Amino acid sequence: MERAELIVRRLLVCGAVGGVIAAALVLDTTAYADDRPGSQAVQNAQKTSDLLLATILAALGQEFKETTADNVELGKQSISLIFNDQNKDMRLVGVLHPLRATDIPQDAFEAAALAYAMNGQNLTDVRRSDDKWYYRRSVALSNFDPSCSLCHTNFGPVNDKQWVGALMLRVPIASHDY
């Protein structure tokens, strides 16, 4: 009899603990849903992303103008400094060499975005990461400029239909509407 009573008590305690954990998870999910950024804050993050993209494209255009066969190694280093692996807010992601371990998708958004990019499509989303909301954006990249092949000799001749990866942008969304 004592053994049966002990088993029943353990089951009740486990059930109570499980119920508390389940309730905490539901409340935690609800809290995330309640603090989703408002539309104005998302629009502001999108505009910031547009400005960031324009700045990056201008820098890349300048890099393409200045990188030649004679200074290609310096050009590679310059691009690597712009797309520093410590910067999670702007990254180049791909599957073609040359690659570093950090050039592959680092989360679910980047994995989905890379799949889109390899078909020439961009992707945007609003996602939560590390208790902060972000406007996420990917821009499909192709082998569109002769300078691409200077650094990426495996790309071959210019082919703007040859999709090679994606530029990933992440802009924090302000916690309040403006």
Foldseek 3Di string as FASTA:
>chain_A
DVVVVVVVVVVVVVVVVVVVVVVVVVVVVVVVVVQQADPQLLVVQVVVVVVVVVVVVVVVVVLLVPDDLVCPVVSVVVVCVVQPLVDPFKHWAFDAPPDDPSNHDDDPVQVVQFVQLQQQDKDWDWDDDPNFIKTKIKGWFAQAGQSVCSNVVVNPGHDRRRTTTIIIGIGTGDSYHD
